[in-house]
Amino acid sequence: MKFIRIILSPIMPIYYLVTWLRNYLYNLGVKSSKSYDLPVICVGNLSTGGTGKTPMIEYLIRLLKDEKSLATLSRGYKRRTEGFVLADKNASADSIGDEPYQFFRKFEGIQVAVDTNRQNGIEQLITSDNKPEVILLDDAYQHRKVKAGFNILLTAYNNLYYKDMVLPTGNLREPRSGAKRADVILVTKCPKTISDAEKNEIAGKLKLKSHQNAFFSHIDYAEEVISYKTKLVLDTLPKFTLVTGIANAKPLVDFLASKGLKFDHLEYNDHYNFKASDIETLASKSLIITTEKDYVRLSVNERLKNILFYLPIQIKINQPEAFNTLVTSFISQKN
């Protein structure tokens, strides 16, 4: 991969210029963005995946679902449908994508929709008989045709955007200057032991604007793994096979290793579509632990149901009261 990036490095200035010019035209109003009367909250990043968008959306759902009627709107990456789809009892990872399906099966009482065209998706939601009070946009930071009222930009502790470059030399989808559109910059996947001094150092390098706030978070892993019918205590697991199809499995691998657990690791690409040969390999294992996102795709296979478990995670934010107040205050101002 590094060799390929070196070969493609001459393209980087072109990519930088194109994405910078696109943002510049949106900022000038030459290219139009549409805003909405109801609260629209966007969760996204500058880099290509692996920053924790799904746990962040779930955090917002938990924060708001008891007070507001919610809808999530995602692209529905690698789904086998087209256009606008609103999840119903027939929904699956194939019809709406793995992450939206995870939201749908996990949280009752919210609407889960997918549409590559976020403008159309929002229009479909707000003109329906069940119009939501708040819309959460998943991975839409670069979707400038929609002007979200509140932007939460995620950047992973081990790959901070201010240390990175645009594609194809680096991992950034757009220049670092795009961060100024954010209302909140959340540094994700931090060590639990991160010091206040290091937080201050990182916050200084983020070069926050006057309208921005920075927060830090870590991943909180559950003490049990879950299958469709039972739970097992994590610390008592025998040797197992870890199966991951996510952008960055290292934090999970490091966590399991720190617990002294014994496991083999089968690592696949992000949003990997498991083939029949993969299922054949996995079915020969005695115990499989996977991520919740992978579980929603793998658990449909009857051969795996009795050996397949997932490890739940949640995002834990430092100063959660301050973060929550920013979100709820924005919603109150829009309502």
C-alpha atoms as a PDB file:
ATOM      1  CA  MET A   1       0.000   0.000   0.000  1.00  0.00           C
ATOM      2  CA  LYS A   2       2.804   2.433   0.848  1.00  0.00           C
ATOM      3  CA  PHE A   3       4.450   1.685  -2.503  1.00  0.00           C
ATOM      4  CA  ILE A   4       1.188   2.352  -4.359  1.00  0.00           C
ATOM      5  CA  ARG A   5       0.779   5.649  -2.511  1.00  0.00           C
ATOM      6  CA  ILE A   6       4.291   6.684  -3.495  1.00  0.00           C
ATOM      7  CA  ILE A   7       3.515   5.872  -7.137  1.00  0.00           C
ATOM      8  CA  LEU A   8       0.287   7.898  -6.962  1.00  0.00           C
ATOM      9  CA  SER A   9       1.797  10.848  -5.074  1.00  0.00           C
ATOM     10  CA  PRO A  10       1.868  13.116  -8.190  1.00  0.00           C
ATOM     11  CA  ILE A  11      -1.925  12.985  -8.155  1.00  0.00           C
ATOM     12  CA  MET A  12      -2.111  14.420  -4.620  1.00  0.00           C
ATOM     13  CA  PRO A  13      -1.792  18.126  -5.614  1.00  0.00           C
ATOM     14  CA  ILE A  14      -4.557  17.657  -8.186  1.00  0.00           C
ATOM     15  CA  TYR A  15      -6.843  15.985  -5.643  1.00  0.00           C
ATOM     16  CA  TYR A  16      -6.045  18.718  -3.122  1.00  0.00           C
ATOM     17  CA  LEU A  17      -6.878  21.474  -5.605  1.00  0.00           C
ATOM     18  CA  VAL A  18     -10.134  19.885  -6.740  1.00  0.00           C
ATOM     19  CA  THR A  19     -11.445  19.307  -3.203  1.00  0.00           C
ATOM     20  CA  TRP A  20     -10.248  22.723  -1.991  1.00  0.00           C
ATOM     21  CA  LEU A  21     -11.910  24.456  -4.950  1.00  0.00           C
ATOM     22  CA  ARG A  22     -15.143  22.545  -4.361  1.00  0.00           C
ATOM     23  CA  ASN A  23     -15.251  23.707  -0.727  1.00  0.00           C
ATOM     24  CA  TYR A  24     -14.322  27.253  -1.731  1.00  0.00           C
ATOM     25  CA  LEU A  25     -17.245  27.418  -4.176  1.00  0.00           C
ATOM     26  CA  TYR A  26     -19.641  26.132  -1.503  1.00  0.00           C
ATOM     27  CA  ASN A  27     -18.256  28.646   1.011  1.00  0.00           C
ATOM     28  CA  LEU A  28     -18.796  31.491  -1.496  1.00  0.00           C
ATOM     29  CA  GLY A  29     -22.316  30.313  -2.267  1.00  0.00           C
ATOM     30  CA  VAL A  30     -21.516  29.656  -5.921  1.00  0.00           C
ATOM     31  CA  LYS A  31     -22.462  26.038  -5.265  1.00  0.00           C
ATOM     32  CA  SER A  32     -25.615  25.932  -3.161  1.00  0.00           C
ATOM     33  CA  SER A  33     -26.247  24.149   0.135  1.00  0.00           C
ATOM     34  CA  LYS A  34     -29.722  23.605   1.516  1.00  0.00           C
ATOM     35  CA  SER A  35     -30.524  24.189   5.177  1.00  0.00           C
ATOM     36  CA  TYR A  36     -33.610  23.030   7.053  1.00  0.00           C
ATOM     37  CA  ASP A  37     -35.950  24.316   9.740  1.00  0.00           C
ATOM     38  CA  LEU A  38     -35.652  21.203  11.893  1.00  0.00           C
ATOM     39  CA  PRO A  39     -32.402  20.254  13.674  1.00  0.00           C
ATOM     40  CA  VAL A  40     -29.998  18.352  11.415  1.00  0.00           C
ATOM     41  CA  ILE A  41     -26.867  17.026  13.112  1.00  0.00           C
ATOM     42  CA  CYS A  42     -24.014  15.733  10.958  1.00  0.00           C
ATOM     43  CA  VAL A  43     -21.413  13.241  12.202  1.00  0.00           C
ATOM     44  CA  GLY A  44     -18.401  12.794   9.958  1.00  0.00           C
ATOM     45  CA  ASN A  45     -14.667  12.988   9.516  1.00  0.00           C
ATOM     46  CA  LEU A  46     -11.968  14.265   7.201  1.00  0.00           C
ATOM     47  CA  SER A  47     -10.280  10.891   6.851  1.00  0.00           C
ATOM     48  CA  THR A  48     -11.309   7.632   5.223  1.00  0.00           C
ATOM     49  CA  GLY A  49     -13.089   5.647   7.906  1.00  0.00           C
ATOM     50  CA  GLY A  50     -12.089   4.233  11.247  1.00  0.00           C
ATOM     51  CA  THR A  51     -12.895   7.219  13.482  1.00  0.00           C
ATOM     52  CA  GLY A  52     -15.920   5.817  15.315  1.00  0.00           C
ATOM     53  CA  LYS A  53     -18.895   7.364  13.526  1.00  0.00           C
ATOM     54  CA  THR A  54     -21.236   4.483  14.342  1.00  0.00           C
ATOM     55  CA  PRO A  55     -20.676   4.626  18.140  1.00  0.00           C
ATOM     56  CA  MET A  56     -21.103   8.418  17.940  1.00  0.00           C
ATOM     57  CA  ILE A  57     -24.459   8.131  16.181  1.00  0.00           C
ATOM     58  CA  GLU A  58     -25.521   5.601  18.814  1.00  0.00           C
ATOM     59  CA  TYR A  59     -24.411   7.992  21.566  1.00  0.00           C
ATOM     60  CA  LEU A  60     -26.649  10.702  20.089  1.00  0.00           C
ATOM     61  CA  ILE A  61     -29.549   8.276  19.758  1.00  0.00           C
ATOM     62  CA  ARG A  62     -29.284   7.354  23.433  1.00  0.00           C
ATOM     63  CA  LEU A  63     -29.022  11.022  24.384  1.00  0.00           C
ATOM     64  CA  LEU A  64     -32.084  12.154  22.420  1.00  0.00           C
ATOM     65  CA  LYS A  65     -34.465   9.257  21.783  1.00  0.00           C
ATOM     66  CA  ASP A  66     -36.552   9.662  24.939  1.00  0.00           C
ATOM     67  CA  GLU A  67     -37.209  13.349  24.299  1.00  0.00           C
ATOM     68  CA  LYS A  68     -37.356  13.669  20.519  1.00  0.00           C
ATOM     69  CA  SER A  69     -38.553  11.630  17.566  1.00  0.00           C
ATOM     70  CA  LEU A  70     -35.392  10.727  15.668  1.00  0.00           C
ATOM     71  CA  ALA A  71     -34.358   9.646  12.211  1.00  0.00           C
ATOM     72  CA  THR A  72     -30.918   8.557  11.079  1.00  0.00           C
ATOM     73  CA  LEU A  73     -29.968   9.070   7.455  1.00  0.00           C
ATOM     74  CA  SER A  74     -26.991   7.214   5.984  1.00  0.00           C
ATOM     75  CA  ARG A  75     -25.654   6.443   2.550  1.00  0.00           C
ATOM     76  CA  GLY A  76     -26.158   2.721   3.101  1.00  0.00           C
ATOM     77  CA  TYR A  77     -22.705   1.683   1.951  1.00  0.00           C
ATOM     78  CA  LYS A  78     -22.610  -1.600  -0.019  1.00  0.00           C
ATOM     79  CA  ARG A  79     -26.367  -2.154   0.180  1.00  0.00           C
ATOM     80  CA  ARG A  80     -28.038  -3.941  -2.701  1.00  0.00           C
ATOM     81  CA  THR A  81     -30.804  -1.390  -3.165  1.00  0.00           C
ATOM     82  CA  GLU A  82     -30.956   2.058  -4.742  1.00  0.00           C
ATOM     83  CA  GLY A  83     -32.550   5.385  -3.911  1.00  0.00           C
ATOM     84  CA  PHE A  84     -34.372   6.180  -0.689  1.00  0.00           C
ATOM     85  CA  VAL A  85     -35.158   3.263   1.614  1.00  0.00           C
ATOM     86  CA  LEU A  86     -36.846   3.516   5.014  1.00  0.00           C
ATOM     87  CA  ALA A  87     -36.182   0.483   7.194  1.00  0.00           C
ATOM     88  CA  ASP A  88     -39.144  -1.722   8.041  1.00  0.00           C
ATOM     89  CA  LYS A  89     -39.699  -5.268   9.302  1.00  0.00           C
ATOM     90  CA  ASN A  90     -38.168  -6.637   6.093  1.00  0.00           C
ATOM     91  CA  ALA A  91     -34.949  -4.618   6.459  1.00  0.00           C
ATOM     92  CA  SER A  92     -31.561  -6.318   6.334  1.00  0.00           C
ATOM     93  CA  ALA A  93     -27.916  -5.421   5.946  1.00  0.00           C
ATOM     94  CA  ASP A  94     -28.366  -6.107   2.230  1.00  0.00           C
ATOM     95  CA  SER A  95     -31.250  -3.664   1.883  1.00  0.00           C
ATOM     96  CA  ILE A  96     -29.957  -0.737   3.971  1.00  0.00           C
ATOM     97  CA  GLY A  97     -26.286  -1.491   4.772  1.00  0.00           C
ATOM     98  CA  ASP A  98     -24.691  -2.991   7.864  1.00  0.00           C
ATOM     99  CA  GLU A  99     -24.390   0.111  10.059  1.00  0.00           C
ATOM    100  CA  PRO A 100     -27.934   1.440   9.448  1.00  0.00           C
ATOM    101  CA  TYR A 101     -29.262  -2.072  10.053  1.00  0.00           C
ATOM    102  CA  GLN A 102     -27.364  -2.102  13.337  1.00  0.00           C
ATOM    103  CA  PHE A 103     -29.200   1.102  14.357  1.00  0.00           C
ATOM    104  CA  PHE A 104     -32.529  -0.372  13.273  1.00  0.00           C
ATOM    105  CA  ARG A 105     -32.245  -3.639  15.173  1.00  0.00           C
ATOM    106  CA  LYS A 106     -30.804  -1.974  18.275  1.00  0.00           C
ATOM    107  CA  PHE A 107     -33.108   0.998  18.881  1.00  0.00           C
ATOM    108  CA  GLU A 108     -36.884   0.877  18.871  1.00  0.00           C
ATOM    109  CA  GLY A 109     -38.936   3.925  18.016  1.00  0.00           C
ATOM    110  CA  ILE A 110     -36.490   5.646  15.650  1.00  0.00           C
ATOM    111  CA  GLN A 111     -36.613   5.865  11.881  1.00  0.00           C
ATOM    112  CA  VAL A 112     -33.627   4.554   9.950  1.00  0.00           C
ATOM    113  CA  ALA A 113     -33.304   5.694   6.358  1.00  0.00           C
ATOM    114  CA  VAL A 114     -30.686   5.478   3.618  1.00  0.00           C
ATOM    115  CA  ASP A 115     -30.172   7.538   0.495  1.00  0.00           C
ATOM    116  CA  THR A 116     -27.024   8.433  -1.417  1.00  0.00           C
ATOM    117  CA  ASN A 117     -28.677  11.800  -2.140  1.00  0.00           C
ATOM    118  CA  ARG A 118     -28.940  13.284   1.354  1.00  0.00           C
ATOM    119  CA  GLN A 119     -31.121  16.170   0.163  1.00  0.00           C
ATOM    120  CA  ASN A 120     -33.651  13.749  -1.236  1.00  0.00           C
ATOM    121  CA  GLY A 121     -33.426  11.595   1.881  1.00  0.00           C
ATOM    122  CA  ILE A 122     -34.207  14.548   4.139  1.00  0.00           C
ATOM    123  CA  GLU A 123     -37.083  15.646   1.893  1.00  0.00           C
ATOM    124  CA  GLN A 124     -38.567  12.151   2.035  1.00  0.00           C
ATOM    125  CA  LEU A 125     -38.376  12.144   5.824  1.00  0.00           C
ATOM    126  CA  ILE A 126     -39.781  15.610   6.471  1.00  0.00           C
ATOM    127  CA  THR A 127     -42.682  15.226   4.026  1.00  0.00           C
ATOM    128  CA  SER A 128     -43.749  11.862   5.455  1.00  0.00           C
ATOM    129  CA  ASP A 129     -46.679  11.341   7.834  1.00  0.00           C
ATOM    130  CA  ASN A 130     -44.148  10.508  10.550  1.00  0.00           C
ATOM    131  CA  LYS A 131     -41.922  13.583  10.272  1.00  0.00           C
ATOM    132  CA  PRO A 132     -38.991  13.349  12.728  1.00  0.00           C
ATOM    133  CA  GLU A 133     -38.086  16.162  15.092  1.00  0.00           C
ATOM    134  CA  VAL A 134     -34.321  15.607  14.676  1.00  0.00           C
ATOM    135  CA  ILE A 135     -32.307  14.052  11.841  1.00  0.00           C
ATOM    136  CA  LEU A 136     -28.882  12.534  12.432  1.00  0.00           C
ATOM    137  CA  LEU A 137     -26.706  12.442   9.309  1.00  0.00           C
ATOM    138  CA  ASP A 138     -24.201   9.589   9.354  1.00  0.00           C
ATOM    139  CA  ASP A 139     -20.932  10.183   7.473  1.00  0.00           C
ATOM    140  CA  ALA A 140     -22.084  13.286   5.598  1.00  0.00           C
ATOM    141  CA  TYR A 141     -19.380  15.838   6.401  1.00  0.00           C
ATOM    142  CA  GLN A 142     -18.356  16.089   2.729  1.00  0.00           C
ATOM    143  CA  HIS A 143     -21.966  16.121   1.521  1.00  0.00           C
ATOM    144  CA  ARG A 144     -22.028  19.894   1.099  1.00  0.00           C
ATOM    145  CA  LYS A 145     -25.379  19.985  -0.710  1.00  0.00           C
ATOM    146  CA  VAL A 146     -26.890  19.725   2.761  1.00  0.00           C
ATOM    147  CA  LYS A 147     -26.023  22.415   5.293  1.00  0.00           C
ATOM    148  CA  ALA A 148     -26.356  20.716   8.654  1.00  0.00           C
ATOM    149  CA  GLY A 149     -27.141  22.954  11.591  1.00  0.00           C
ATOM    150  CA  PHE A 150     -24.584  21.231  13.826  1.00  0.00           C
ATOM    151  CA  ASN A 151     -21.434  19.435  12.654  1.00  0.00           C
ATOM    152  CA  ILE A 152     -19.516  16.942  14.803  1.00  0.00           C
ATOM    153  CA  LEU A 153     -16.111  16.154  13.291  1.00  0.00           C
ATOM    154  CA  LEU A 154     -14.333  13.016  14.497  1.00  0.00           C
ATOM    155  CA  THR A 155     -10.593  12.443  14.382  1.00  0.00           C
ATOM    156  CA  ALA A 156      -8.927   9.333  15.784  1.00  0.00           C
ATOM    157  CA  TYR A 157      -6.227   9.734  18.437  1.00  0.00           C
ATOM    158  CA  ASN A 158      -3.794   7.524  16.515  1.00  0.00           C
ATOM    159  CA  ASN A 159      -4.413   9.312  13.206  1.00  0.00           C
ATOM    160  CA  LEU A 160      -5.143  12.964  13.959  1.00  0.00           C
ATOM    161  CA  TYR A 161      -6.088  14.883  10.849  1.00  0.00           C
ATOM    162  CA  TYR A 162      -3.559  17.654  11.414  1.00  0.00           C
ATOM    163  CA  LYS A 163      -0.794  15.059  10.956  1.00  0.00           C
ATOM    164  CA  ASP A 164      -2.284  13.715   7.722  1.00  0.00           C
ATOM    165  CA  MET A 165      -2.435  14.616   4.023  1.00  0.00           C
ATOM    166  CA  VAL A 166      -5.091  14.271   1.363  1.00  0.00           C
ATOM    167  CA  LEU A 167      -5.550  11.200  -0.780  1.00  0.00           C
ATOM    168  CA  PRO A 168      -3.846   9.338  -2.296  1.00  0.00           C
ATOM    169  CA  THR A 169      -0.663  10.161  -0.346  1.00  0.00           C
ATOM    170  CA  GLY A 170      -2.562  10.381   2.953  1.00  0.00           C
ATOM    171  CA  ASN A 171      -6.035   9.462   4.179  1.00  0.00           C
ATOM    172  CA  LEU A 172      -7.853  12.795   4.088  1.00  0.00           C
ATOM    173  CA  ARG A 173     -10.910  13.163   1.873  1.00  0.00           C
ATOM    174  CA  GLU A 174     -10.433  16.926   1.782  1.00  0.00           C
ATOM    175  CA  PRO A 175      -7.826  19.464   2.968  1.00  0.00           C
ATOM    176  CA  ARG A 176      -7.380  20.016   6.705  1.00  0.00           C
ATOM    177  CA  SER A 177      -8.940  23.472   6.342  1.00  0.00           C
ATOM    178  CA  GLY A 178     -12.298  21.715   6.054  1.00  0.00           C
ATOM    179  CA  ALA A 179     -12.220  21.236   9.823  1.00  0.00           C
ATOM    180  CA  LYS A 180     -13.301  24.839  10.323  1.00  0.00           C
ATOM    181  CA  ARG A 181     -16.876  23.874   9.355  1.00  0.00           C
ATOM    182  CA  ALA A 182     -17.197  21.801  12.532  1.00  0.00           C
ATOM    183  CA  ASP A 183     -18.970  22.994  15.668  1.00  0.00           C
ATOM    184  CA  VAL A 184     -17.403  20.210  17.746  1.00  0.00           C
ATOM    185  CA  ILE A 185     -14.165  18.339  17.113  1.00  0.00           C
ATOM    186  CA  LEU A 186     -14.108  15.038  18.959  1.00  0.00           C
ATOM    187  CA  VAL A 187     -10.838  13.134  19.331  1.00  0.00           C
ATOM    188  CA  THR A 188     -11.892   9.489  19.440  1.00  0.00           C
ATOM    189  CA  LYS A 189     -10.268   6.223  20.534  1.00  0.00           C
ATOM    190  CA  CYS A 190      -8.047   7.928  23.103  1.00  0.00           C
ATOM    191  CA  PRO A 191      -6.306   5.902  25.808  1.00  0.00           C
ATOM    192  CA  LYS A 192      -8.300   5.927  29.025  1.00  0.00           C
ATOM    193  CA  THR A 193      -5.163   7.244  30.716  1.00  0.00           C
ATOM    194  CA  ILE A 194      -4.701  10.285  28.459  1.00  0.00           C
ATOM    195  CA  SER A 195      -3.518  13.204  30.587  1.00  0.00           C
ATOM    196  CA  ASP A 196      -4.918  16.727  30.717  1.00  0.00           C
ATOM    197  CA  ALA A 197      -1.550  17.990  29.476  1.00  0.00           C
ATOM    198  CA  GLU A 198      -1.772  15.838  26.351  1.00  0.00           C
ATOM    199  CA  LYS A 199      -5.378  16.897  25.765  1.00  0.00           C
ATOM    200  CA  ASN A 200      -4.311  20.529  25.941  1.00  0.00           C
ATOM    201  CA  GLU A 201      -1.446  19.881  23.547  1.00  0.00           C
ATOM    202  CA  ILE A 202      -3.729  18.213  21.004  1.00  0.00           C
ATOM    203  CA  ALA A 203      -6.386  20.910  21.377  1.00  0.00           C
ATOM    204  CA  GLY A 204      -3.738  23.538  20.660  1.00  0.00           C
ATOM    205  CA  LYS A 205      -2.693  21.776  17.463  1.00  0.00           C
ATOM    206  CA  LEU A 206      -6.315  21.543  16.334  1.00  0.00           C
ATOM    207  CA  LYS A 207      -6.238  25.363  16.126  1.00  0.00           C
ATOM    208  CA  LEU A 208      -9.852  25.733  17.183  1.00  0.00           C
ATOM    209  CA  LYS A 209     -11.910  28.624  15.852  1.00  0.00           C
ATOM    210  CA  SER A 210     -13.955  30.794  18.190  1.00  0.00           C
ATOM    211  CA  HIS A 211     -17.140  28.839  17.468  1.00  0.00           C
ATOM    212  CA  GLN A 212     -15.562  25.425  18.083  1.00  0.00           C
ATOM    213  CA  ASN A 213     -15.219  23.138  21.081  1.00  0.00           C
ATOM    214  CA  ALA A 214     -12.935  20.114  21.434  1.00  0.00           C
ATOM    215  CA  PHE A 215     -13.728  16.948  23.377  1.00  0.00           C
ATOM    216  CA  PHE A 216     -11.967  13.633  23.884  1.00  0.00           C
ATOM    217  CA  SER A 217     -13.404  10.128  24.063  1.00  0.00           C
ATOM    218  CA  HIS A 218     -12.431   6.513  24.489  1.00  0.00           C
ATOM    219  CA  ILE A 219     -14.033   3.196  23.618  1.00  0.00           C
ATOM    220  CA  ASP A 220     -15.738   1.390  26.477  1.00  0.00           C
ATOM    221  CA  TYR A 221     -15.934  -2.351  25.855  1.00  0.00           C
ATOM    222  CA  ALA A 222     -18.601  -4.517  27.478  1.00  0.00           C
ATOM    223  CA  GLU A 223     -17.742  -7.245  29.969  1.00  0.00           C
ATOM    224  CA  GLU A 224     -19.844  -9.804  28.103  1.00  0.00           C
ATOM    225  CA  VAL A 225     -20.146 -11.045  24.537  1.00  0.00           C
ATOM    226  CA  ILE A 226     -23.624 -11.608  23.126  1.00  0.00           C
ATOM    227  CA  SER A 227     -25.203 -14.091  20.733  1.00  0.00           C
ATOM    228  CA  TYR A 228     -28.782 -14.346  19.524  1.00  0.00           C
ATOM    229  CA  LYS A 229     -29.751 -16.359  22.608  1.00  0.00           C
ATOM    230  CA  THR A 230     -27.121 -16.025  25.329  1.00  0.00           C
ATOM    231  CA  LYS A 231     -24.215 -14.081  26.828  1.00  0.00           C
ATOM    232  CA  LEU A 232     -20.720 -15.144  27.898  1.00  0.00           C
ATOM    233  CA  VAL A 233     -18.444 -13.387  30.359  1.00  0.00           C
ATOM    234  CA  LEU A 234     -15.509 -11.984  28.415  1.00  0.00           C
ATOM    235  CA  ASP A 235     -12.829 -12.842  30.971  1.00  0.00           C
ATOM    236  CA  THR A 236     -13.800 -16.529  31.022  1.00  0.00           C
ATOM    237  CA  LEU A 237     -13.702 -17.175  27.288  1.00  0.00           C
ATOM    238  CA  PRO A 238     -11.671 -20.130  25.995  1.00  0.00           C
ATOM    239  CA  LYS A 239      -9.475 -19.607  22.949  1.00  0.00           C
ATOM    240  CA  PHE A 240     -11.551 -18.141  20.118  1.00  0.00           C
ATOM    241  CA  THR A 241     -11.358 -16.711  16.613  1.00  0.00           C
ATOM    242  CA  LEU A 242     -11.689 -12.944  16.282  1.00  0.00           C
ATOM    243  CA  VAL A 243     -13.323 -11.934  13.000  1.00  0.00           C
ATOM    244  CA  THR A 244     -13.237  -8.274  11.934  1.00  0.00           C
ATOM    245  CA  GLY A 245     -14.381  -6.456   8.817  1.00  0.00           C
ATOM    246  CA  ILE A 246     -13.817  -2.886  10.024  1.00  0.00           C
ATOM    247  CA  ALA A 247     -11.494  -0.056   9.049  1.00  0.00           C
ATOM    248  CA  ASN A 248      -9.200  -0.337  12.065  1.00  0.00           C
ATOM    249  CA  ALA A 249      -9.238  -3.442  14.239  1.00  0.00           C
ATOM    250  CA  LYS A 250      -6.126  -2.550  16.245  1.00  0.00           C
ATOM    251  CA  PRO A 251      -7.901  -1.005  19.277  1.00  0.00           C
ATOM    252  CA  LEU A 252     -10.088  -4.103  19.623  1.00  0.00           C
ATOM    253  CA  VAL A 253      -7.149  -6.470  19.174  1.00  0.00           C
ATOM    254  CA  ASP A 254      -5.114  -4.538  21.737  1.00  0.00           C
ATOM    255  CA  PHE A 255      -7.999  -4.569  24.218  1.00  0.00           C
ATOM    256  CA  LEU A 256      -8.548  -8.323  23.959  1.00  0.00           C
ATOM    257  CA  ALA A 257      -4.804  -8.976  24.248  1.00  0.00           C
ATOM    258  CA  SER A 258      -4.628  -6.746  27.341  1.00  0.00           C
ATOM    259  CA  LYS A 259      -7.247  -9.005  28.959  1.00  0.00           C
ATOM    260  CA  GLY A 260      -4.907 -11.974  28.519  1.00  0.00           C
ATOM    261  CA  LEU A 261      -7.333 -13.717  26.160  1.00  0.00           C
ATOM    262  CA  LYS A 262      -6.094 -16.232  23.594  1.00  0.00           C
ATOM    263  CA  PHE A 263      -7.368 -15.860  20.046  1.00  0.00           C
ATOM    264  CA  ASP A 264      -6.590 -16.057  16.355  1.00  0.00           C
ATOM    265  CA  HIS A 265      -7.496 -13.083  14.201  1.00  0.00           C
ATOM    266  CA  LEU A 266      -9.142 -13.275  10.781  1.00  0.00           C
ATOM    267  CA  GLU A 267      -9.071  -9.725   9.429  1.00  0.00           C
ATOM    268  CA  TYR A 268     -11.136  -8.648   6.424  1.00  0.00           C
ATOM    269  CA  ASN A 269     -11.614  -5.308   4.679  1.00  0.00           C
ATOM    270  CA  ASP A 270     -14.104  -2.753   5.981  1.00  0.00           C
ATOM    271  CA  HIS A 271     -17.733  -3.621   5.075  1.00  0.00           C
ATOM    272  CA  TYR A 272     -16.496  -6.925   3.677  1.00  0.00           C
ATOM    273  CA  ASN A 273     -19.089  -9.072   1.888  1.00  0.00           C
ATOM    274  CA  PHE A 274     -18.470 -12.562   3.225  1.00  0.00           C
ATOM    275  CA  LYS A 275     -18.426 -15.191   0.494  1.00  0.00           C
ATOM    276  CA  ALA A 276     -19.513 -18.824   0.681  1.00  0.00           C
ATOM    277  CA  SER A 277     -15.874 -19.889   1.048  1.00  0.00           C
ATOM    278  CA  ASP A 278     -15.466 -17.500   3.993  1.00  0.00           C
ATOM    279  CA  ILE A 279     -18.547 -18.925   5.690  1.00  0.00           C
ATOM    280  CA  GLU A 280     -17.152 -22.414   5.151  1.00  0.00           C
ATOM    281  CA  THR A 281     -13.946 -21.407   6.929  1.00  0.00           C
ATOM    282  CA  LEU A 282     -15.783 -19.699   9.787  1.00  0.00           C
ATOM    283  CA  ALA A 283     -18.217 -22.572  10.284  1.00  0.00           C
ATOM    284  CA  SER A 284     -15.280 -24.836  11.155  1.00  0.00           C
ATOM    285  CA  LYS A 285     -14.436 -22.700  14.223  1.00  0.00           C
ATOM    286  CA  SER A 286     -15.667 -23.531  17.703  1.00  0.00           C
ATOM    287  CA  LEU A 287     -16.170 -19.960  18.932  1.00  0.00           C
ATOM    288  CA  ILE A 288     -16.165 -16.663  17.010  1.00  0.00           C
ATOM    289  CA  ILE A 289     -16.094 -13.187  18.519  1.00  0.00           C
ATOM    290  CA  THR A 290     -16.775 -10.307  16.171  1.00  0.00           C
ATOM    291  CA  THR A 291     -17.863  -6.664  16.107  1.00  0.00           C
ATOM    292  CA  GLU A 292     -21.525  -5.726  16.213  1.00  0.00           C
ATOM    293  CA  LYS A 293     -21.320  -4.379  12.663  1.00  0.00           C
ATOM    294  CA  ASP A 294     -19.957  -7.693  11.395  1.00  0.00           C
ATOM    295  CA  TYR A 295     -22.452  -9.631  13.514  1.00  0.00           C
ATOM    296  CA  VAL A 296     -25.470  -8.148  11.732  1.00  0.00           C
ATOM    297  CA  ARG A 297     -24.158  -9.543   8.445  1.00  0.00           C
ATOM    298  CA  LEU A 298     -22.799 -12.880   9.658  1.00  0.00           C
ATOM    299  CA  SER A 299     -25.664 -13.832  11.993  1.00  0.00           C
ATOM    300  CA  VAL A 300     -28.066 -14.394   9.095  1.00  0.00           C
ATOM    301  CA  ASN A 301     -26.138 -17.577   8.307  1.00  0.00           C
ATOM    302  CA  GLU A 302     -27.634 -20.522  10.197  1.00  0.00           C
ATOM    303  CA  ARG A 303     -24.304 -22.365  10.282  1.00  0.00           C
ATOM    304  CA  LEU A 304     -22.772 -19.623  12.426  1.00  0.00           C
ATOM    305  CA  LYS A 305     -25.601 -18.755  14.807  1.00  0.00           C
ATOM    306  CA  ASN A 306     -24.539 -21.052  17.636  1.00  0.00           C
ATOM    307  CA  ILE A 307     -20.850 -20.087  17.594  1.00  0.00           C
ATOM    308  CA  LEU A 308     -21.095 -16.383  16.791  1.00  0.00           C
ATOM    309  CA  PHE A 309     -20.920 -13.644  19.455  1.00  0.00           C
ATOM    310  CA  TYR A 310     -20.288  -9.900  19.304  1.00  0.00           C
ATOM    311  CA  LEU A 311     -18.632  -7.557  21.775  1.00  0.00           C
ATOM    312  CA  PRO A 312     -20.723  -4.393  22.366  1.00  0.00           C
ATOM    313  CA  ILE A 313     -18.944  -1.059  22.615  1.00  0.00           C
ATOM    314  CA  GLN A 314     -19.939   2.467  23.590  1.00  0.00           C
ATOM    315  CA  ILE A 315     -18.181   5.790  23.251  1.00  0.00           C
ATOM    316  CA  LYS A 316     -17.367   7.597  26.505  1.00  0.00           C
ATOM    317  CA  ILE A 317     -16.814  11.357  26.244  1.00  0.00           C
ATOM    318  CA  ASN A 318     -14.865  13.464  28.693  1.00  0.00           C
ATOM    319  CA  GLN A 319     -17.013  16.292  30.067  1.00  0.00           C
ATOM    320  CA  PRO A 320     -20.215  14.627  28.787  1.00  0.00           C
ATOM    321  CA  GLU A 321     -22.433  17.236  30.419  1.00  0.00           C
ATOM    322  CA  ALA A 322     -20.799  20.043  28.417  1.00  0.00           C
ATOM    323  CA  PHE A 323     -20.993  18.031  25.193  1.00  0.00           C
ATOM    324  CA  ASN A 324     -24.622  17.040  25.777  1.00  0.00           C
ATOM    325  CA  THR A 325     -25.566  20.643  26.548  1.00  0.00           C
ATOM    326  CA  LEU A 326     -24.117  21.849  23.238  1.00  0.00           C
ATOM    327  CA  VAL A 327     -26.201  19.298  21.355  1.00  0.00           C
ATOM    328  CA  THR A 328     -29.445  19.828  23.244  1.00  0.00           C
ATOM    329  CA  SER A 329     -29.072  23.627  23.185  1.00  0.00           C
ATOM    330  CA  PHE A 330     -28.730  23.552  19.404  1.00  0.00           C
ATOM    331  CA  ILE A 331     -31.897  21.458  19.156  1.00  0.00           C
ATOM    332  CA  SER A 332     -33.794  23.785  21.496  1.00  0.00           C
ATOM    333  CA  GLN A 333     -32.806  26.794  19.406  1.00  0.00           C
ATOM    334  CA  LYS A 334     -34.082  25.141  16.227  1.00  0.00           C
ATOM    335  CA  ASN A 335     -37.425  24.005  17.727  1.00  0.00           C
END
